[in-house]
Amino acid sequence: MSTNSLTSTGRAGDSGDKIFSGATLAAGGLILAVLFSVAVFLLVQALPTFSADPAEITGGAGFGSYILPIVVGTVIAAAIALLIATPLGIGVALFISHYAPRRLAQVFGYVIDLLAAIPSVVYGAWGYAVLAPQLAIAYAWLAEYLGWIPIFEGPASQTGRTMLTAGIVLSVMVLPIITSLSREIFLQTPNLHEEAALAMGATRWEMIRMAVLPFARPGIVSAAMLGLGRALGETMAVALVLSGGALQASLIQSGNQTIAAEIALNFPEAFGLRLSELIAAGLVLFVITLAVNIIARWIISRHKEFSGAN
């Protein structure tokens, strides 16, 4: 190959690199611009709520008194979902990656991925028509024998449409996210780490505990935070399953509400100040979700040296 050919090839490669670099920079800038525009829109539309007379806000005690109960309800529903889905998702991911035969692992992987493709309204309909009536029986038992615990205080809901039911439905919805990401991280564990642990006489579980889980810790945190983001913003499933009401400690009584469900149920008929209230609630949810992602990135950055995050 002549020198001229090499020079022309190098110039073409440099041009391609510049085009690709510019395209990626534009894509990243577009994401930031969209995020900024959404934040500005929410803030501008929510300003009338912050400057209005507190007596004119829903509840008559100001925006803080209106938003606090549904923020707490949102956090409770998301926390229930994570408490159920995170250990279950990690366990399923470990079974698929380190215990199941290859063919069976592929089948389980396809099933888990399929769960992520099911629309949220289908989960909500399943929770409303199938899960809630079955759980109502268990709630009656909890109220009778464990009612001295505030979260199980009766009288239990006869329909089963409670915060605990909503949390269980959300856990099923975020399970595929946590499982899929955890499985991929577990499979990235260096073989030398696993073989070294086994060579030292460790059992399979000891090898997982010493080599796989420390390596995958940042990835597990990232998966859990993505699941938390899905649970915080889920709308239709919660709106169908939860019988909304005032904030209360009991998880088996009718009541409590989330921000997303509050917006979905009231937005079509809202206007004027009420519309600004709902947009302000969306702004609060936006800030909460952004804070969750920032915290997740900070946790991952602290442990990325010994992980697949680098």
Foldseek 3Di string as FASTA:
>chain_A
DDPVVVVVVVVVVVVVVVVVVVVVVVVVVVVVVVLVVLLVVLVVLLVCQQPDDCCPDVVRRGLCVVQVQQAVLLVLLLVLLLVPQLVVLLVLLCCLQPNDPVVVSVVSLVVLVVLQVDDLLVLLVCLQPPVQQVCQVVLCVCCVPVLVPFQSNDPFDNRSLFSNSSSNSLNSNLNSLLNVQLNVFLNPFDPVQLVVCVVVPDDNVRSCVPGRCLQCVLSNLVSSLVSSLCSSQDENSSLSRAQAAGRGNYGRHHYTHHLRPVCVVCVVPDDDNRNSSNSNSVSVSVVVSVVSVVVSVVVSVVRVVRYPND
